[in-house]
Structures are given as C-alpha cells and as structure tokens.
Full PDB file with SEQRES, HELIX, SHEET, SSBOND, CRYST1, ORIGX, SCALE, CONECT and MASTER records, all heavy atoms in Angstrom:
SEQRES   1 A   33  LEU ALA THR ALA LYS ALA CYS TRP GLU LYS LEU LYS PRO          
SEQRES   2 A   33  CYS VAL GLY MET TYR HIS PRO ALA ARG TYR ALA LEU VAL          
SEQRES   3 A   33  GLU ILE GLU ASN LEU HIS ASP                                  
HELIX    1 AA1 ALA A    2  VAL A   15  1                                  14    
HELIX    2 AA2 PRO A   20  ARG A   22  5                                   3    
CRYST1    1.000    1.000    1.000  90.00  90.00  90.00 P 1           1          
ORIGX1      1.000000  0.000000  0.000000        0.00000                         
ORIGX2      0.000000  1.000000  0.000000        0.00000                         
ORIGX3      0.000000  0.000000  1.000000        0.00000                         
SCALE1      1.000000  0.000000  0.000000        0.00000                         
SCALE2      0.000000  1.000000  0.000000        0.00000                         
SCALE3      0.000000  0.000000  1.000000        0.00000                         
ATOM      1  N   LEU A   1      11.208   9.595   2.579  1.00  0.00           N  
ATOM      2  CA  LEU A   1      11.790   8.581   1.698  1.00  0.00           C  
ATOM      3  C   LEU A   1      12.245   9.212   0.387  1.00  0.00           C  
ATOM      4  O   LEU A   1      13.294   8.841  -0.165  1.00  0.00           O  
ATOM      5  CB  LEU A   1      10.781   7.459   1.434  1.00  0.00           C  
ATOM      6  CG  LEU A   1      11.374   6.190   0.817  1.00  0.00           C  
ATOM      7  CD1 LEU A   1      12.425   5.575   1.730  1.00  0.00           C  
ATOM      8  CD2 LEU A   1      10.288   5.163   0.510  1.00  0.00           C  
ATOM      9  N   ALA A   2      11.483  10.180  -0.110  1.00  0.00           N  
ATOM     10  CA  ALA A   2      11.896  10.891  -1.332  1.00  0.00           C  
ATOM     11  C   ALA A   2      13.207  11.640  -1.099  1.00  0.00           C  
ATOM     12  O   ALA A   2      14.046  11.736  -2.003  1.00  0.00           O  
ATOM     13  CB  ALA A   2      10.794  11.857  -1.773  1.00  0.00           C  
ATOM     14  N   THR A   3      13.383  12.174   0.096  1.00  0.00           N  
ATOM     15  CA  THR A   3      14.635  12.858   0.430  1.00  0.00           C  
ATOM     16  C   THR A   3      15.797  11.874   0.463  1.00  0.00           C  
ATOM     17  O   THR A   3      16.886  12.165  -0.046  1.00  0.00           O  
ATOM     18  CB  THR A   3      14.501  13.556   1.794  1.00  0.00           C  
ATOM     19  OG1 THR A   3      13.470  14.542   1.709  1.00  0.00           O  
ATOM     20  CG2 THR A   3      15.806  14.214   2.209  1.00  0.00           C  
ATOM     21  N   ALA A   4      15.576  10.703   1.056  1.00  0.00           N  
ATOM     22  CA  ALA A   4      16.623   9.671   1.066  1.00  0.00           C  
ATOM     23  C   ALA A   4      17.006   9.294  -0.358  1.00  0.00           C  
ATOM     24  O   ALA A   4      18.191   9.096  -0.667  1.00  0.00           O  
ATOM     25  CB  ALA A   4      16.136   8.452   1.840  1.00  0.00           C  
ATOM     26  N   LYS A   5      16.018   9.184  -1.232  1.00  0.00           N  
ATOM     27  CA  LYS A   5      16.266   8.860  -2.639  1.00  0.00           C  
ATOM     28  C   LYS A   5      17.090   9.960  -3.314  1.00  0.00           C  
ATOM     29  O   LYS A   5      18.062   9.669  -4.031  1.00  0.00           O  
ATOM     30  CB  LYS A   5      14.927   8.676  -3.362  1.00  0.00           C  
ATOM     31  CG  LYS A   5      15.021   8.497  -4.870  1.00  0.00           C  
ATOM     32  CD  LYS A   5      15.571   7.142  -5.264  1.00  0.00           C  
ATOM     33  CE  LYS A   5      15.413   6.910  -6.765  1.00  0.00           C  
ATOM     34  NZ  LYS A   5      15.941   5.596  -7.174  1.00  0.00           N  
ATOM     35  N   ALA A   6      16.707  11.215  -3.093  1.00  0.00           N  
ATOM     36  CA  ALA A   6      17.419  12.328  -3.725  1.00  0.00           C  
ATOM     37  C   ALA A   6      18.868  12.393  -3.238  1.00  0.00           C  
ATOM     38  O   ALA A   6      19.795  12.645  -4.032  1.00  0.00           O  
ATOM     39  CB  ALA A   6      16.697  13.637  -3.434  1.00  0.00           C  
ATOM     40  N   CYS A   7      19.079  12.163  -1.951  1.00  0.00           N  
ATOM     41  CA  CYS A   7      20.441  12.175  -1.414  1.00  0.00           C  
ATOM     42  C   CYS A   7      21.268  11.026  -1.992  1.00  0.00           C  
ATOM     43  O   CYS A   7      22.453  11.196  -2.312  1.00  0.00           O  
ATOM     44  CB  CYS A   7      20.402  12.077   0.110  1.00  0.00           C  
ATOM     45  SG  CYS A   7      19.825  13.574   0.942  1.00  0.00           S  
ATOM     46  N   TRP A   8      20.639   9.853  -2.142  1.00  0.00           N  
ATOM     47  CA  TRP A   8      21.344   8.707  -2.703  1.00  0.00           C  
ATOM     48  C   TRP A   8      21.732   8.960  -4.158  1.00  0.00           C  
ATOM     49  O   TRP A   8      22.864   8.663  -4.567  1.00  0.00           O  
ATOM     50  CB  TRP A   8      20.499   7.446  -2.575  1.00  0.00           C  
ATOM     51  CG  TRP A   8      21.005   6.286  -3.401  1.00  0.00           C  
ATOM     52  CD1 TRP A   8      20.351   5.620  -4.388  1.00  0.00           C  
ATOM     53  CD2 TRP A   8      22.298   5.676  -3.316  1.00  0.00           C  
ATOM     54  NE1 TRP A   8      21.128   4.634  -4.915  1.00  0.00           N  
ATOM     55  CE2 TRP A   8      22.341   4.640  -4.273  1.00  0.00           C  
ATOM     56  CE3 TRP A   8      23.417   5.903  -2.515  1.00  0.00           C  
ATOM     57  CZ2 TRP A   8      23.465   3.846  -4.457  1.00  0.00           C  
ATOM     58  CZ3 TRP A   8      24.547   5.103  -2.704  1.00  0.00           C  
ATOM     59  CH2 TRP A   8      24.559   4.083  -3.667  1.00  0.00           C  
ATOM     60  N   GLU A   9      20.841   9.511  -4.942  1.00  0.00           N  
ATOM     61  CA  GLU A   9      21.147   9.776  -6.351  1.00  0.00           C  
ATOM     62  C   GLU A   9      22.288  10.772  -6.481  1.00  0.00           C  
ATOM     63  O   GLU A   9      23.115  10.682  -7.396  1.00  0.00           O  
ATOM     64  CB  GLU A   9      19.900  10.302  -7.068  1.00  0.00           C  
ATOM     65  CG  GLU A   9      18.799   9.265  -7.241  1.00  0.00           C  
ATOM     66  CD  GLU A   9      19.218   8.086  -8.104  1.00  0.00           C  
ATOM     67  OE1 GLU A   9      20.054   8.260  -9.017  1.00  0.00           O  
ATOM     68  OE2 GLU A   9      18.721   6.961  -7.858  1.00  0.00           O  
ATOM     69  N   LYS A  10      22.350  11.722  -5.556  1.00  0.00           N  
ATOM     70  CA  LYS A  10      23.430  12.711  -5.574  1.00  0.00           C  
ATOM     71  C   LYS A  10      24.752  12.094  -5.145  1.00  0.00           C  
ATOM     72  O   LYS A  10      25.818  12.423  -5.678  1.00  0.00           O  
ATOM     73  CB  LYS A  10      23.055  13.874  -4.651  1.00  0.00           C  
ATOM     74  CG  LYS A  10      24.031  15.028  -4.654  1.00  0.00           C  
ATOM     75  CD  LYS A  10      23.519  16.169  -3.780  1.00  0.00           C  
ATOM     76  CE  LYS A  10      24.509  17.324  -3.752  1.00  0.00           C  
ATOM     77  NZ  LYS A  10      24.014  18.438  -2.896  1.00  0.00           N  
ATOM     78  N   LEU A  11      24.686  11.164  -4.199  1.00  0.00           N  
ATOM     79  CA  LEU A  11      25.899  10.555  -3.644  1.00  0.00           C  
ATOM     80  C   LEU A  11      26.427   9.410  -4.497  1.00  0.00           C  
ATOM     81  O   LEU A  11      27.650   9.185  -4.564  1.00  0.00           O  
ATOM     82  CB  LEU A  11      25.577  10.043  -2.228  1.00  0.00           C  
ATOM     83  CG  LEU A  11      26.705   9.419  -1.408  1.00  0.00           C  
ATOM     84  CD1 LEU A  11      27.776  10.466  -1.101  1.00  0.00           C  
ATOM     85  CD2 LEU A  11      26.151   8.821  -0.118  1.00  0.00           C  
ATOM     86  N   LYS A  12      25.549   8.710  -5.184  1.00  0.00           N  
ATOM     87  CA  LYS A  12      25.892   7.478  -5.890  1.00  0.00           C  
ATOM     88  C   LYS A  12      27.082   7.609  -6.845  1.00  0.00           C  
ATOM     89  O   LYS A  12      27.967   6.727  -6.834  1.00  0.00           O  
ATOM     90  CB  LYS A  12      24.653   6.958  -6.629  1.00  0.00           C  
ATOM     91  CG  LYS A  12      24.857   5.665  -7.377  1.00  0.00           C  
ATOM     92  CD  LYS A  12      23.528   5.046  -7.803  1.00  0.00           C  
ATOM     93  CE  LYS A  12      22.642   5.977  -8.594  1.00  0.00           C  
ATOM     94  NZ  LYS A  12      21.432   5.306  -9.117  1.00  0.00           N  
ATOM     95  N   PRO A  13      27.173   8.654  -7.663  1.00  0.00           N  
ATOM     96  CA  PRO A  13      28.323   8.738  -8.581  1.00  0.00           C  
ATOM     97  C   PRO A  13      29.670   8.832  -7.861  1.00  0.00           C  
ATOM     98  O   PRO A  13      30.708   8.494  -8.442  1.00  0.00           O  
ATOM     99  CB  PRO A  13      28.044  10.025  -9.373  1.00  0.00           C  
ATOM    100  CG  PRO A  13      26.570  10.250  -9.249  1.00  0.00           C  
ATOM    101  CD  PRO A  13      26.221   9.754  -7.893  1.00  0.00           C  
ATOM    102  N   CYS A  14      29.649   9.254  -6.612  1.00  0.00           N  
ATOM    103  CA  CYS A  14      30.896   9.434  -5.858  1.00  0.00           C  
ATOM    104  C   CYS A  14      31.305   8.187  -5.079  1.00  0.00           C  
ATOM    105  O   CYS A  14      32.499   7.991  -4.819  1.00  0.00           O  
ATOM    106  CB  CYS A  14      30.750  10.598  -4.878  1.00  0.00           C  
ATOM    107  SG  CYS A  14      30.229  12.151  -5.630  1.00  0.00           S  
ATOM    108  N   VAL A  15      30.347   7.345  -4.712  1.00  0.00           N  
ATOM    109  CA  VAL A  15      30.657   6.239  -3.793  1.00  0.00           C  
ATOM    110  C   VAL A  15      30.395   4.861  -4.391  1.00  0.00           C  
ATOM    111  O   VAL A  15      30.788   3.850  -3.806  1.00  0.00           O  
ATOM    112  CB  VAL A  15      29.857   6.380  -2.476  1.00  0.00           C  
ATOM    113  CG1 VAL A  15      30.214   7.686  -1.777  1.00  0.00           C  
ATOM    114  CG2 VAL A  15      28.351   6.292  -2.729  1.00  0.00           C  
ATOM    115  N   GLY A  16      29.717   4.787  -5.533  1.00  0.00           N  
ATOM    116  CA  GLY A  16      29.385   3.496  -6.105  1.00  0.00           C  
ATOM    117  C   GLY A  16      28.142   2.901  -5.467  1.00  0.00           C  
ATOM    118  O   GLY A  16      27.480   3.516  -4.626  1.00  0.00           O  
ATOM    119  N   MET A  17      27.831   1.664  -5.868  1.00  0.00           N  
ATOM    120  CA  MET A  17      26.551   1.054  -5.495  1.00  0.00           C  
ATOM    121  C   MET A  17      26.551   0.403  -4.117  1.00  0.00           C  
ATOM    122  O   MET A  17      25.491   0.087  -3.584  1.00  0.00           O  
ATOM    123  CB  MET A  17      26.159   0.005  -6.538  1.00  0.00           C  
ATOM    124  CG  MET A  17      25.957   0.583  -7.941  1.00  0.00           C  
ATOM    125  SD  MET A  17      24.647   1.827  -8.009  1.00  0.00           S  
ATOM    126  CE  MET A  17      23.204   0.791  -7.811  1.00  0.00           C  
ATOM    127  N   TYR A  18      27.718   0.208  -3.526  1.00  0.00           N  
ATOM    128  CA  TYR A  18      27.787  -0.506  -2.253  1.00  0.00           C  
ATOM    129  C   TYR A  18      28.062   0.485  -1.129  1.00  0.00           C  
ATOM    130  O   TYR A  18      29.203   0.703  -0.727  1.00  0.00           O  
ATOM    131  CB  TYR A  18      28.850  -1.606  -2.317  1.00  0.00           C  
ATOM    132  CG  TYR A  18      28.580  -2.598  -3.422  1.00  0.00           C  
ATOM    133  CD1 TYR A  18      29.229  -2.492  -4.646  1.00  0.00           C  
ATOM    134  CD2 TYR A  18      27.639  -3.616  -3.257  1.00  0.00           C  
ATOM    135  CE1 TYR A  18      28.959  -3.392  -5.681  1.00  0.00           C  
ATOM    136  CE2 TYR A  18      27.365  -4.512  -4.274  1.00  0.00           C  
ATOM    137  CZ  TYR A  18      28.026  -4.388  -5.490  1.00  0.00           C  
ATOM    138  OH  TYR A  18      27.744  -5.270  -6.510  1.00  0.00           O  
ATOM    139  N   HIS A  19      26.999   1.093  -0.670  1.00  0.00           N  
ATOM    140  CA  HIS A  19      27.100   2.144   0.340  1.00  0.00           C  
ATOM    141  C   HIS A  19      25.837   2.103   1.195  1.00  0.00           C  
ATOM    142  O   HIS A  19      24.740   1.852   0.679  1.00  0.00           O  
ATOM    143  CB  HIS A  19      27.247   3.511  -0.332  1.00  0.00           C  
ATOM    144  CG  HIS A  19      27.599   4.619   0.612  1.00  0.00           C  
ATOM    145  ND1 HIS A  19      26.659   5.279   1.362  1.00  0.00           N  
ATOM    146  CD2 HIS A  19      28.798   5.190   0.931  1.00  0.00           C  
ATOM    147  CE1 HIS A  19      27.253   6.207   2.104  1.00  0.00           C  
ATOM    148  NE2 HIS A  19      28.543   6.170   1.857  1.00  0.00           N  
ATOM    149  N   PRO A  20      25.945   2.351   2.512  1.00  0.00           N  
ATOM    150  CA  PRO A  20      24.749   2.265   3.367  1.00  0.00           C  
ATOM    151  C   PRO A  20      23.643   3.241   2.990  1.00  0.00           C  
ATOM    152  O   PRO A  20      22.462   2.978   3.262  1.00  0.00           O  
ATOM    153  CB  PRO A  20      25.292   2.541   4.773  1.00  0.00           C  
ATOM    154  CG  PRO A  20      26.645   3.128   4.588  1.00  0.00           C  
ATOM    155  CD  PRO A  20      27.170   2.580   3.302  1.00  0.00           C  
ATOM    156  N   ALA A  21      23.984   4.363   2.349  1.00  0.00           N  
ATOM    157  CA  ALA A  21      22.968   5.348   1.984  1.00  0.00           C  
ATOM    158  C   ALA A  21      22.074   4.864   0.852  1.00  0.00           C  
ATOM    159  O   ALA A  21      21.063   5.514   0.537  1.00  0.00           O  
ATOM    160  CB  ALA A  21      23.617   6.669   1.595  1.00  0.00           C  
ATOM    161  N   ARG A  22      22.413   3.731   0.242  1.00  0.00           N  
ATOM    162  CA  ARG A  22      21.549   3.169  -0.801  1.00  0.00           C  
ATOM    163  C   ARG A  22      20.235   2.664  -0.207  1.00  0.00           C  
ATOM    164  O   ARG A  22      19.243   2.520  -0.928  1.00  0.00           O  
ATOM    165  CB  ARG A  22      22.281   2.030  -1.514  1.00  0.00           C  
ATOM    166  CG  ARG A  22      21.413   1.260  -2.491  1.00  0.00           C  
ATOM    167  CD  ARG A  22      22.187   0.235  -3.270  1.00  0.00           C  
ATOM    168  NE  ARG A  22      21.298  -0.642  -4.023  1.00  0.00           N  
ATOM    169  CZ  ARG A  22      21.691  -1.505  -4.965  1.00  0.00           C  
ATOM    170  NH1 ARG A  22      22.976  -1.602  -5.259  1.00  0.00           N  
ATOM    171  NH2 ARG A  22      20.815  -2.266  -5.602  1.00  0.00           N  
ATOM    172  N   TYR A  23      20.219   2.416   1.083  1.00  0.00           N  
ATOM    173  CA  TYR A  23      19.046   1.848   1.746  1.00  0.00           C  
ATOM    174  C   TYR A  23      18.458   2.856   2.732  1.00  0.00           C  
ATOM    175  O   TYR A  23      19.152   3.758   3.216  1.00  0.00           O  
ATOM    176  CB  TYR A  23      19.424   0.549   2.472  1.00  0.00           C  
ATOM    177  CG  TYR A  23      19.899  -0.522   1.524  1.00  0.00           C  
ATOM    178  CD1 TYR A  23      21.241  -0.584   1.146  1.00  0.00           C  
ATOM    179  CD2 TYR A  23      19.011  -1.434   0.975  1.00  0.00           C  
ATOM    180  CE1 TYR A  23      21.691  -1.554   0.248  1.00  0.00           C  
ATOM    181  CE2 TYR A  23      19.450  -2.411   0.080  1.00  0.00           C  
ATOM    182  CZ  TYR A  23      20.786  -2.456  -0.277  1.00  0.00           C  
ATOM    183  OH  TYR A  23      21.208  -3.408  -1.182  1.00  0.00           O  
ATOM    184  N   ALA A  24      17.198   2.689   3.023  1.00  0.00           N  
ATOM    185  CA  ALA A  24      16.513   3.542   4.001  1.00  0.00           C  
ATOM    186  C   ALA A  24      15.757   2.658   4.980  1.00  0.00           C  
ATOM    187  O   ALA A  24      15.023   1.750   4.578  1.00  0.00           O  
ATOM    188  CB  ALA A  24      15.556   4.501   3.303  1.00  0.00           C  
ATOM    189  N   LEU A  25      15.941   2.927   6.258  1.00  0.00           N  
ATOM    190  CA  LEU A  25      15.272   2.164   7.305  1.00  0.00           C  
ATOM    191  C   LEU A  25      13.805   2.590   7.402  1.00  0.00           C  
ATOM    192  O   LEU A  25      13.503   3.788   7.430  1.00  0.00           O  
ATOM    193  CB  LEU A  25      15.975   2.393   8.643  1.00  0.00           C  
ATOM    194  CG  LEU A  25      15.716   1.379   9.759  1.00  0.00           C  
ATOM    195  CD1 LEU A  25      16.234   0.006   9.374  1.00  0.00           C  
ATOM    196  CD2 LEU A  25      16.362   1.854  11.063  1.00  0.00           C  
ATOM    197  N   VAL A  26      12.911   1.611   7.438  1.00  0.00           N  
ATOM    198  CA  VAL A  26      11.475   1.889   7.492  1.00  0.00           C  
ATOM    199  C   VAL A  26      10.797   0.862   8.399  1.00  0.00           C  
ATOM    200  O   VAL A  26      11.399  -0.135   8.783  1.00  0.00           O  
ATOM    201  CB  VAL A  26      10.820   1.828   6.088  1.00  0.00           C  
ATOM    202  CG1 VAL A  26      11.520   2.743   5.104  1.00  0.00           C  
ATOM    203  CG2 VAL A  26      10.790   0.388   5.555  1.00  0.00           C  
ATOM    204  N   GLU A  27       9.549   1.122   8.709  1.00  0.00           N  
ATOM    205  CA  GLU A  27       8.689   0.108   9.322  1.00  0.00           C  
ATOM    206  C   GLU A  27       7.628  -0.265   8.306  1.00  0.00           C  
ATOM    207  O   GLU A  27       6.954   0.615   7.762  1.00  0.00           O  
ATOM    208  CB  GLU A  27       8.022   0.636  10.592  1.00  0.00           C  
ATOM    209  CG  GLU A  27       7.073  -0.385  11.228  1.00  0.00           C  
ATOM    210  CD  GLU A  27       6.351   0.129  12.466  1.00  0.00           C  
ATOM    211  OE1 GLU A  27       6.831   1.099  13.076  1.00  0.00           O  
ATOM    212  OE2 GLU A  27       5.286  -0.444  12.808  1.00  0.00           O  
ATOM    213  N   ILE A  28       7.496  -1.563   8.017  1.00  0.00           N  
ATOM    214  CA  ILE A  28       6.414  -1.996   7.142  1.00  0.00           C  
ATOM    215  C   ILE A  28       5.246  -2.479   8.002  1.00  0.00           C  
ATOM    216  O   ILE A  28       5.438  -3.036   9.081  1.00  0.00           O  
ATOM    217  CB  ILE A  28       6.860  -3.093   6.139  1.00  0.00           C  
ATOM    218  CG1 ILE A  28       7.219  -4.395   6.847  1.00  0.00           C  
ATOM    219  CG2 ILE A  28       8.006  -2.599   5.274  1.00  0.00           C  
ATOM    220  CD1 ILE A  28       7.373  -5.580   5.879  1.00  0.00           C  
ATOM    221  N   GLU A  29       4.040  -2.217   7.508  1.00  0.00           N  
ATOM    222  CA  GLU A  29       2.827  -2.651   8.191  1.00  0.00           C  
ATOM    223  C   GLU A  29       1.873  -3.232   7.158  1.00  0.00           C  
ATOM    224  O   GLU A  29       1.919  -2.864   5.975  1.00  0.00           O  
ATOM    225  CB  GLU A  29       2.157  -1.487   8.929  1.00  0.00           C  
ATOM    226  CG  GLU A  29       2.986  -0.948  10.086  1.00  0.00           C  
ATOM    227  CD  GLU A  29       2.256   0.121  10.882  1.00  0.00           C  
ATOM    228  OE1 GLU A  29       1.160   0.548  10.454  1.00  0.00           O  
ATOM    229  OE2 GLU A  29       2.773   0.531  11.944  1.00  0.00           O  
ATOM    230  N   ASN A  30       1.015  -4.125   7.621  1.00  0.00           N  
ATOM    231  CA  ASN A  30       0.041  -4.756   6.734  1.00  0.00           C  
ATOM    232  C   ASN A  30      -1.200  -3.873   6.621  1.00  0.00           C  
ATOM    233  O   ASN A  30      -1.800  -3.492   7.630  1.00  0.00           O  
ATOM    234  CB  ASN A  30      -0.338  -6.138   7.269  1.00  0.00           C  
ATOM    235  CG  ASN A  30      -1.269  -6.891   6.330  1.00  0.00           C  
ATOM    236  OD1 ASN A  30      -1.542  -6.458   5.199  1.00  0.00           O  
ATOM    237  ND2 ASN A  30      -1.774  -8.029   6.776  1.00  0.00           N  
ATOM    238  N   LEU A  31      -1.588  -3.567   5.406  1.00  0.00           N  
ATOM    239  CA  LEU A  31      -2.791  -2.780   5.164  1.00  0.00           C  
ATOM    240  C   LEU A  31      -4.000  -3.367   5.887  1.00  0.00           C  
ATOM    241  O   LEU A  31      -4.918  -2.642   6.281  1.00  0.00           O  
ATOM    242  CB  LEU A  31      -3.048  -2.724   3.652  1.00  0.00           C  
ATOM    243  CG  LEU A  31      -4.215  -1.884   3.141  1.00  0.00           C  
ATOM    244  CD1 LEU A  31      -3.941  -0.406   3.358  1.00  0.00           C  
ATOM    245  CD2 LEU A  31      -4.475  -2.170   1.665  1.00  0.00           C  
ATOM    246  N   HIS A  32      -3.999  -4.687   6.085  1.00  0.00           N  
ATOM    247  CA  HIS A  32      -5.155  -5.378   6.652  1.00  0.00           C  
ATOM    248  C   HIS A  32      -5.045  -5.603   8.163  1.00  0.00           C  
ATOM    249  O   HIS A  32      -5.863  -6.331   8.732  1.00  0.00           O  
ATOM    250  CB  HIS A  32      -5.355  -6.712   5.921  1.00  0.00           C  
ATOM    251  CG  HIS A  32      -5.564  -6.534   4.449  1.00  0.00           C  
ATOM    252  ND1 HIS A  32      -6.785  -6.229   3.895  1.00  0.00           N  
ATOM    253  CD2 HIS A  32      -4.674  -6.560   3.418  1.00  0.00           C  
ATOM    254  CE1 HIS A  32      -6.654  -6.111   2.586  1.00  0.00           C  
ATOM    255  NE2 HIS A  32      -5.382  -6.301   2.272  1.00  0.00           N  
ATOM    256  N   ASP A  33      -4.075  -4.973   8.795  1.00  0.00           N  
ATOM    257  CA  ASP A  33      -3.971  -5.031  10.248  1.00  0.00           C  
ATOM    258  C   ASP A  33      -5.197  -4.328  10.842  1.00  0.00           C  
ATOM    259  O   ASP A  33      -5.447  -3.159  10.541  1.00  0.00           O  
ATOM    260  CB  ASP A  33      -2.687  -4.324  10.695  1.00  0.00           C  
ATOM    261  CG  ASP A  33      -2.385  -4.495  12.175  1.00  0.00           C  
ATOM    262  OD1 ASP A  33      -3.348  -4.526  12.980  1.00  0.00           O  
ATOM    263  OD2 ASP A  33      -1.200  -4.582  12.536  1.00  0.00           O  
TER     264      ASP A  33                                                      
MASTER        0    0    0    2    0    0    0    6  263    1    0    3          
END                                                                             
C-alpha cells in the first residue's frame, strides 16, 4: 500500500486527481472476526 501511495504521489502532478491510480484495491476484514 505504501508503494501504491508513492506511485500515486509521483503520478498525480501529471494526471490530476481523477485517475484510477488514486485508489488501491484491498480486502477489509473485521478485527473481531
């Protein structure tokens, strides 16, 4: 996720805020599962 963030920060000035790389696909889970 830190890598996705670093890539987005590098790409953002070139593509603006509306780009698929702004988001990262994840699985969320409940701590209490």
